[in-house]
Amino acid sequence: MEKQLPGTLLEPEVIAEMVLKKALADYRKAQNEKQIDDTLKNRKKVEFFRLINELKRTT
């Protein structure tokens, strides 16, 4: 078993997993926002609302 990081009650593996999950969530959100921008530029109303609803579910 690994030692805990100083000042935390979490093991390094747990912290690493949390950081990776946050980074992935941030990346997915940025990709979704880019797609939303593209649908606005291309006036794709149905796709825009689908992406907006997806963004709401993930935030």
PDB file of N, CA and C in Angstrom:
ATOM      1  N   MET A   1       0.840  -1.180   0.000  1.00  0.00           N
ATOM      2  CA  MET A   1       0.000   0.000   0.000  1.00  0.00           C
ATOM      3  C   MET A   1       0.884   1.241   0.000  1.00  0.00           C
ATOM      4  N   GLU A   2       0.577   2.193  -0.867  1.00  0.00           N
ATOM      5  CA  GLU A   2       1.341   3.436  -0.985  1.00  0.00           C
ATOM      6  C   GLU A   2       1.085   4.330   0.221  1.00  0.00           C
ATOM      7  N   LYS A   3       2.037   5.188   0.481  1.00  0.00           N
ATOM      8  CA  LYS A   3       1.844   6.181   1.534  1.00  0.00           C
ATOM      9  C   LYS A   3       0.896   7.258   1.045  1.00  0.00           C
ATOM     10  N   GLN A   4       0.198   7.848   1.978  1.00  0.00           N
ATOM     11  CA  GLN A   4      -0.669   8.979   1.648  1.00  0.00           C
ATOM     12  C   GLN A   4       0.184  10.212   1.414  1.00  0.00           C
ATOM     13  N   LEU A   5      -0.332  11.103   0.595  1.00  0.00           N
ATOM     14  CA  LEU A   5       0.364  12.365   0.365  1.00  0.00           C
ATOM     15  C   LEU A   5       0.257  13.225   1.622  1.00  0.00           C
ATOM     16  N   PRO A   6       1.299  13.974   1.937  1.00  0.00           N
ATOM     17  CA  PRO A   6       1.247  14.839   3.125  1.00  0.00           C
ATOM     18  C   PRO A   6       0.076  15.826   3.038  1.00  0.00           C
ATOM     19  N   GLY A   7      -0.644  15.953   4.113  1.00  0.00           N
ATOM     20  CA  GLY A   7      -1.744  16.909   4.168  1.00  0.00           C
ATOM     21  C   GLY A   7      -3.039  16.410   3.556  1.00  0.00           C
ATOM     22  N   THR A   8      -3.082  15.148   3.124  1.00  0.00           N
ATOM     23  CA  THR A   8      -4.313  14.602   2.558  1.00  0.00           C
ATOM     24  C   THR A   8      -4.634  13.261   3.203  1.00  0.00           C
ATOM     25  N   LEU A   9      -5.851  12.849   3.028  1.00  0.00           N
ATOM     26  CA  LEU A   9      -6.252  11.523   3.486  1.00  0.00           C
ATOM     27  C   LEU A   9      -6.388  10.563   2.305  1.00  0.00           C
ATOM     28  N   LEU A  10      -5.984  11.021   1.130  1.00  0.00           N
ATOM     29  CA  LEU A  10      -6.132  10.228  -0.082  1.00  0.00           C
ATOM     30  C   LEU A  10      -4.794   9.662  -0.536  1.00  0.00           C
ATOM     31  N   GLU A  11      -4.863   8.493  -1.128  1.00  0.00           N
ATOM     32  CA  GLU A  11      -3.661   7.884  -1.682  1.00  0.00           C
ATOM     33  C   GLU A  11      -3.379   8.479  -3.058  1.00  0.00           C
ATOM     34  N   PRO A  12      -2.127   8.448  -3.498  1.00  0.00           N
ATOM     35  CA  PRO A  12      -1.761   9.048  -4.785  1.00  0.00           C
ATOM     36  C   PRO A  12      -2.586   8.542  -5.966  1.00  0.00           C
ATOM     37  N   GLU A  13      -2.927   7.268  -5.976  1.00  0.00           N
ATOM     38  CA  GLU A  13      -3.716   6.716  -7.074  1.00  0.00           C
ATOM     39  C   GLU A  13      -5.096   7.346  -7.145  1.00  0.00           C
ATOM     40  N   VAL A  14      -5.682   7.607  -5.992  1.00  0.00           N
ATOM     41  CA  VAL A  14      -7.012   8.217  -5.937  1.00  0.00           C
ATOM     42  C   VAL A  14      -6.942   9.654  -6.455  1.00  0.00           C
ATOM     43  N   ILE A  15      -5.927  10.371  -6.044  1.00  0.00           N
ATOM     44  CA  ILE A  15      -5.752  11.754  -6.494  1.00  0.00           C
ATOM     45  C   ILE A  15      -5.511  11.782  -7.997  1.00  0.00           C
ATOM     46  N   ALA A  16      -4.672  10.878  -8.497  1.00  0.00           N
ATOM     47  CA  ALA A  16      -4.392  10.819  -9.937  1.00  0.00           C
ATOM     48  C   ALA A  16      -5.667  10.535 -10.722  1.00  0.00           C
ATOM     49  N   GLU A  17      -6.486   9.632 -10.217  1.00  0.00           N
ATOM     50  CA  GLU A  17      -7.748   9.316 -10.896  1.00  0.00           C
ATOM     51  C   GLU A  17      -8.677  10.530 -10.910  1.00  0.00           C
ATOM     52  N   MET A  18      -8.727  11.263  -9.811  1.00  0.00           N
ATOM     53  CA  MET A  18      -9.567  12.459  -9.736  1.00  0.00           C
ATOM     54  C   MET A  18      -9.102  13.514 -10.735  1.00  0.00           C
ATOM     55  N   VAL A  19      -7.783  13.703 -10.837  1.00  0.00           N
ATOM     56  CA  VAL A  19      -7.224  14.684 -11.768  1.00  0.00           C
ATOM     57  C   VAL A  19      -7.545  14.287 -13.207  1.00  0.00           C
ATOM     58  N   LEU A  20      -7.384  13.011 -13.533  1.00  0.00           N
ATOM     59  CA  LEU A  20      -7.681  12.535 -14.883  1.00  0.00           C
ATOM     60  C   LEU A  20      -9.161  12.694 -15.229  1.00  0.00           C
ATOM     61  N   LYS A  21     -10.032  12.364 -14.298  1.00  0.00           N
ATOM     62  CA  LYS A  21     -11.471  12.522 -14.547  1.00  0.00           C
ATOM     63  C   LYS A  21     -11.833  13.983 -14.790  1.00  0.00           C
ATOM     64  N   LYS A  22     -11.251  14.880 -14.003  1.00  0.00           N
ATOM     65  CA  LYS A  22     -11.521  16.309 -14.170  1.00  0.00           C
ATOM     66  C   LYS A  22     -11.005  16.803 -15.517  1.00  0.00           C
ATOM     67  N   ALA A  23      -9.802  16.378 -15.885  1.00  0.00           N
ATOM     68  CA  ALA A  23      -9.223  16.791 -17.168  1.00  0.00           C
ATOM     69  C   ALA A  23     -10.076  16.285 -18.328  1.00  0.00           C
ATOM     70  N   LEU A  24     -10.542  15.064 -18.244  1.00  0.00           N
ATOM     71  CA  LEU A  24     -11.388  14.494 -19.300  1.00  0.00           C
ATOM     72  C   LEU A  24     -12.721  15.226 -19.380  1.00  0.00           C
ATOM     73  N   ALA A  25     -13.306  15.532 -18.238  1.00  0.00           N
ATOM     74  CA  ALA A  25     -14.572  16.261 -18.224  1.00  0.00           C
ATOM     75  C   ALA A  25     -14.398  17.660 -18.823  1.00  0.00           C
ATOM     76  N   ASP A  26     -13.310  18.328 -18.491  1.00  0.00           N
ATOM     77  CA  ASP A  26     -13.033  19.657 -19.051  1.00  0.00           C
ATOM     78  C   ASP A  26     -12.856  19.581 -20.564  1.00  0.00           C
ATOM     79  N   TYR A  27     -12.150  18.557 -21.026  1.00  0.00           N
ATOM     80  CA  TYR A  27     -11.927  18.382 -22.465  1.00  0.00           C
ATOM     81  C   TYR A  27     -13.248  18.138 -23.190  1.00  0.00           C
ATOM     82  N   ARG A  28     -14.062  17.258 -22.637  1.00  0.00           N
ATOM     83  CA  ARG A  28     -15.361  16.966 -23.263  1.00  0.00           C
ATOM     84  C   ARG A  28     -16.249  18.202 -23.299  1.00  0.00           C
ATOM     85  N   LYS A  29     -16.233  18.986 -22.229  1.00  0.00           N
ATOM     86  CA  LYS A  29     -17.030  20.209 -22.194  1.00  0.00           C
ATOM     87  C   LYS A  29     -16.563  21.197 -23.270  1.00  0.00           C
ATOM     88  N   ALA A  30     -15.251  21.349 -23.403  1.00  0.00           N
ATOM     89  CA  ALA A  30     -14.712  22.254 -24.417  1.00  0.00           C
ATOM     90  C   ALA A  30     -15.080  21.790 -25.823  1.00  0.00           C
ATOM     91  N   GLN A  31     -15.029  20.480 -26.056  1.00  0.00           N
ATOM     92  CA  GLN A  31     -15.402  19.941 -27.358  1.00  0.00           C
ATOM     93  C   GLN A  31     -16.884  20.188 -27.636  1.00  0.00           C
ATOM     94  N   ASN A  32     -17.707  19.993 -26.620  1.00  0.00           N
ATOM     95  CA  ASN A  32     -19.142  20.206 -26.769  1.00  0.00           C
ATOM     96  C   ASN A  32     -19.431  21.677 -27.074  1.00  0.00           C
ATOM     97  N   GLU A  33     -18.750  22.577 -26.381  1.00  0.00           N
ATOM     98  CA  GLU A  33     -18.954  24.006 -26.625  1.00  0.00           C
ATOM     99  C   GLU A  33     -18.527  24.397 -28.038  1.00  0.00           C
ATOM    100  N   LYS A  34     -17.467  23.780 -28.530  1.00  0.00           N
ATOM    101  CA  LYS A  34     -17.025  24.052 -29.904  1.00  0.00           C
ATOM    102  C   LYS A  34     -18.079  23.566 -30.899  1.00  0.00           C
ATOM    103  N   GLN A  35     -18.626  22.389 -30.644  1.00  0.00           N
ATOM    104  CA  GLN A  35     -19.678  21.864 -31.522  1.00  0.00           C
ATOM    105  C   GLN A  35     -20.907  22.773 -31.496  1.00  0.00           C
ATOM    106  N   ILE A  36     -21.235  23.309 -30.333  1.00  0.00           N
ATOM    107  CA  ILE A  36     -22.368  24.225 -30.216  1.00  0.00           C
ATOM    108  C   ILE A  36     -22.107  25.469 -31.062  1.00  0.00           C
ATOM    109  N   ASP A  37     -20.904  25.998 -30.966  1.00  0.00           N
ATOM    110  CA  ASP A  37     -20.550  27.162 -31.790  1.00  0.00           C
ATOM    111  C   ASP A  37     -20.700  26.854 -33.277  1.00  0.00           C
ATOM    112  N   ASP A  38     -20.244  25.670 -33.675  1.00  0.00           N
ATOM    113  CA  ASP A  38     -20.339  25.275 -35.081  1.00  0.00           C
ATOM    114  C   ASP A  38     -21.794  25.154 -35.538  1.00  0.00           C
ATOM    115  N   THR A  39     -22.653  24.610 -34.674  1.00  0.00           N
ATOM    116  CA  THR A  39     -24.064  24.477 -35.064  1.00  0.00           C
ATOM    117  C   THR A  39     -24.723  25.852 -35.197  1.00  0.00           C
ATOM    118  N   LEU A  40     -24.306  26.800 -34.365  1.00  0.00           N
ATOM    119  CA  LEU A  40     -24.847  28.155 -34.494  1.00  0.00           C
ATOM    120  C   LEU A  40     -24.408  28.789 -35.812  1.00  0.00           C
ATOM    121  N   LYS A  41     -23.148  28.613 -36.149  1.00  0.00           N
ATOM    122  CA  LYS A  41     -22.636  29.168 -37.412  1.00  0.00           C
ATOM    123  C   LYS A  41     -23.360  28.567 -38.614  1.00  0.00           C
ATOM    124  N   ASN A  42     -23.648  27.261 -38.514  1.00  0.00           N
ATOM    125  CA  ASN A  42     -24.269  26.555 -39.642  1.00  0.00           C
ATOM    126  C   ASN A  42     -25.798  26.497 -39.551  1.00  0.00           C
ATOM    127  N   ARG A  43     -26.342  27.158 -38.537  1.00  0.00           N
ATOM    128  CA  ARG A  43     -27.795  27.246 -38.333  1.00  0.00           C
ATOM    129  C   ARG A  43     -28.477  25.875 -38.283  1.00  0.00           C
ATOM    130  N   LYS A  44     -27.881  24.963 -37.519  1.00  0.00           N
ATOM    131  CA  LYS A  44     -28.440  23.625 -37.336  1.00  0.00           C
ATOM    132  C   LYS A  44     -29.185  23.598 -35.996  1.00  0.00           C
ATOM    133  N   LYS A  45     -30.430  23.986 -36.048  1.00  0.00           N
ATOM    134  CA  LYS A  45     -31.221  24.199 -34.838  1.00  0.00           C
ATOM    135  C   LYS A  45     -31.402  22.920 -34.012  1.00  0.00           C
ATOM    136  N   VAL A  46     -31.762  21.835 -34.658  1.00  0.00           N
ATOM    137  CA  VAL A  46     -32.017  20.582 -33.931  1.00  0.00           C
ATOM    138  C   VAL A  46     -30.736  20.095 -33.246  1.00  0.00           C
ATOM    139  N   GLU A  47     -29.636  20.126 -33.973  1.00  0.00           N
ATOM    140  CA  GLU A  47     -28.350  19.707 -33.411  1.00  0.00           C
ATOM    141  C   GLU A  47     -27.932  20.634 -32.268  1.00  0.00           C
ATOM    142  N   PHE A  48     -28.191  21.914 -32.405  1.00  0.00           N
ATOM    143  CA  PHE A  48     -27.878  22.883 -31.356  1.00  0.00           C
ATOM    144  C   PHE A  48     -28.586  22.513 -30.058  1.00  0.00           C
ATOM    145  N   PHE A  49     -29.889  22.237 -30.128  1.00  0.00           N
ATOM    146  CA  PHE A  49     -30.631  21.909 -28.911  1.00  0.00           C
ATOM    147  C   PHE A  49     -30.192  20.575 -28.316  1.00  0.00           C
ATOM    148  N   ARG A  50     -29.824  19.632 -29.151  1.00  0.00           N
ATOM    149  CA  ARG A  50     -29.331  18.346 -28.653  1.00  0.00           C
ATOM    150  C   ARG A  50     -28.036  18.565 -27.866  1.00  0.00           C
ATOM    151  N   LEU A  51     -27.138  19.368 -28.423  1.00  0.00           N
ATOM    152  CA  LEU A  51     -25.860  19.624 -27.757  1.00  0.00           C
ATOM    153  C   LEU A  51     -26.029  20.435 -26.480  1.00  0.00           C
ATOM    154  N   ILE A  52     -26.943  21.384 -26.495  1.00  0.00           N
ATOM    155  CA  ILE A  52     -27.213  22.185 -25.288  1.00  0.00           C
ATOM    156  C   ILE A  52     -27.722  21.268 -24.168  1.00  0.00           C
ATOM    157  N   ASN A  53     -28.639  20.369 -24.503  1.00  0.00           N
ATOM    158  CA  ASN A  53     -29.156  19.448 -23.500  1.00  0.00           C
ATOM    159  C   ASN A  53     -28.057  18.520 -22.983  1.00  0.00           C
ATOM    160  N   GLU A  54     -27.169  18.085 -23.859  1.00  0.00           N
ATOM    161  CA  GLU A  54     -26.045  17.246 -23.446  1.00  0.00           C
ATOM    162  C   GLU A  54     -25.129  18.020 -22.501  1.00  0.00           C
ATOM    163  N   LEU A  55     -24.872  19.280 -22.814  1.00  0.00           N
ATOM    164  CA  LEU A  55     -24.030  20.108 -21.950  1.00  0.00           C
ATOM    165  C   LEU A  55     -24.674  20.303 -20.571  1.00  0.00           C
ATOM    166  N   LYS A  56     -25.969  20.504 -20.545  1.00  0.00           N
ATOM    167  CA  LYS A  56     -26.668  20.668 -19.262  1.00  0.00           C
ATOM    168  C   LYS A  56     -26.558  19.423 -18.400  1.00  0.00           C
ATOM    169  N   ARG A  57     -26.623  18.241 -19.022  1.00  0.00           N
ATOM    170  CA  ARG A  57     -26.538  16.987 -18.272  1.00  0.00           C
ATOM    171  C   ARG A  57     -25.159  16.773 -17.663  1.00  0.00           C
ATOM    172  N   THR A  58     -24.127  17.312 -18.316  1.00  0.00           N
ATOM    173  CA  THR A  58     -22.767  17.051 -17.850  1.00  0.00           C
ATOM    174  C   THR A  58     -22.238  18.114 -16.895  1.00  0.00           C
ATOM    175  N   THR A  59     -22.978  19.208 -16.717  1.00  0.00           N
ATOM    176  CA  THR A  59     -22.500  20.253 -15.800  1.00  0.00           C
ATOM    177  C   THR A  59     -23.403  20.389 -14.610  1.00  0.00           C
TER     178      THR A  59
END
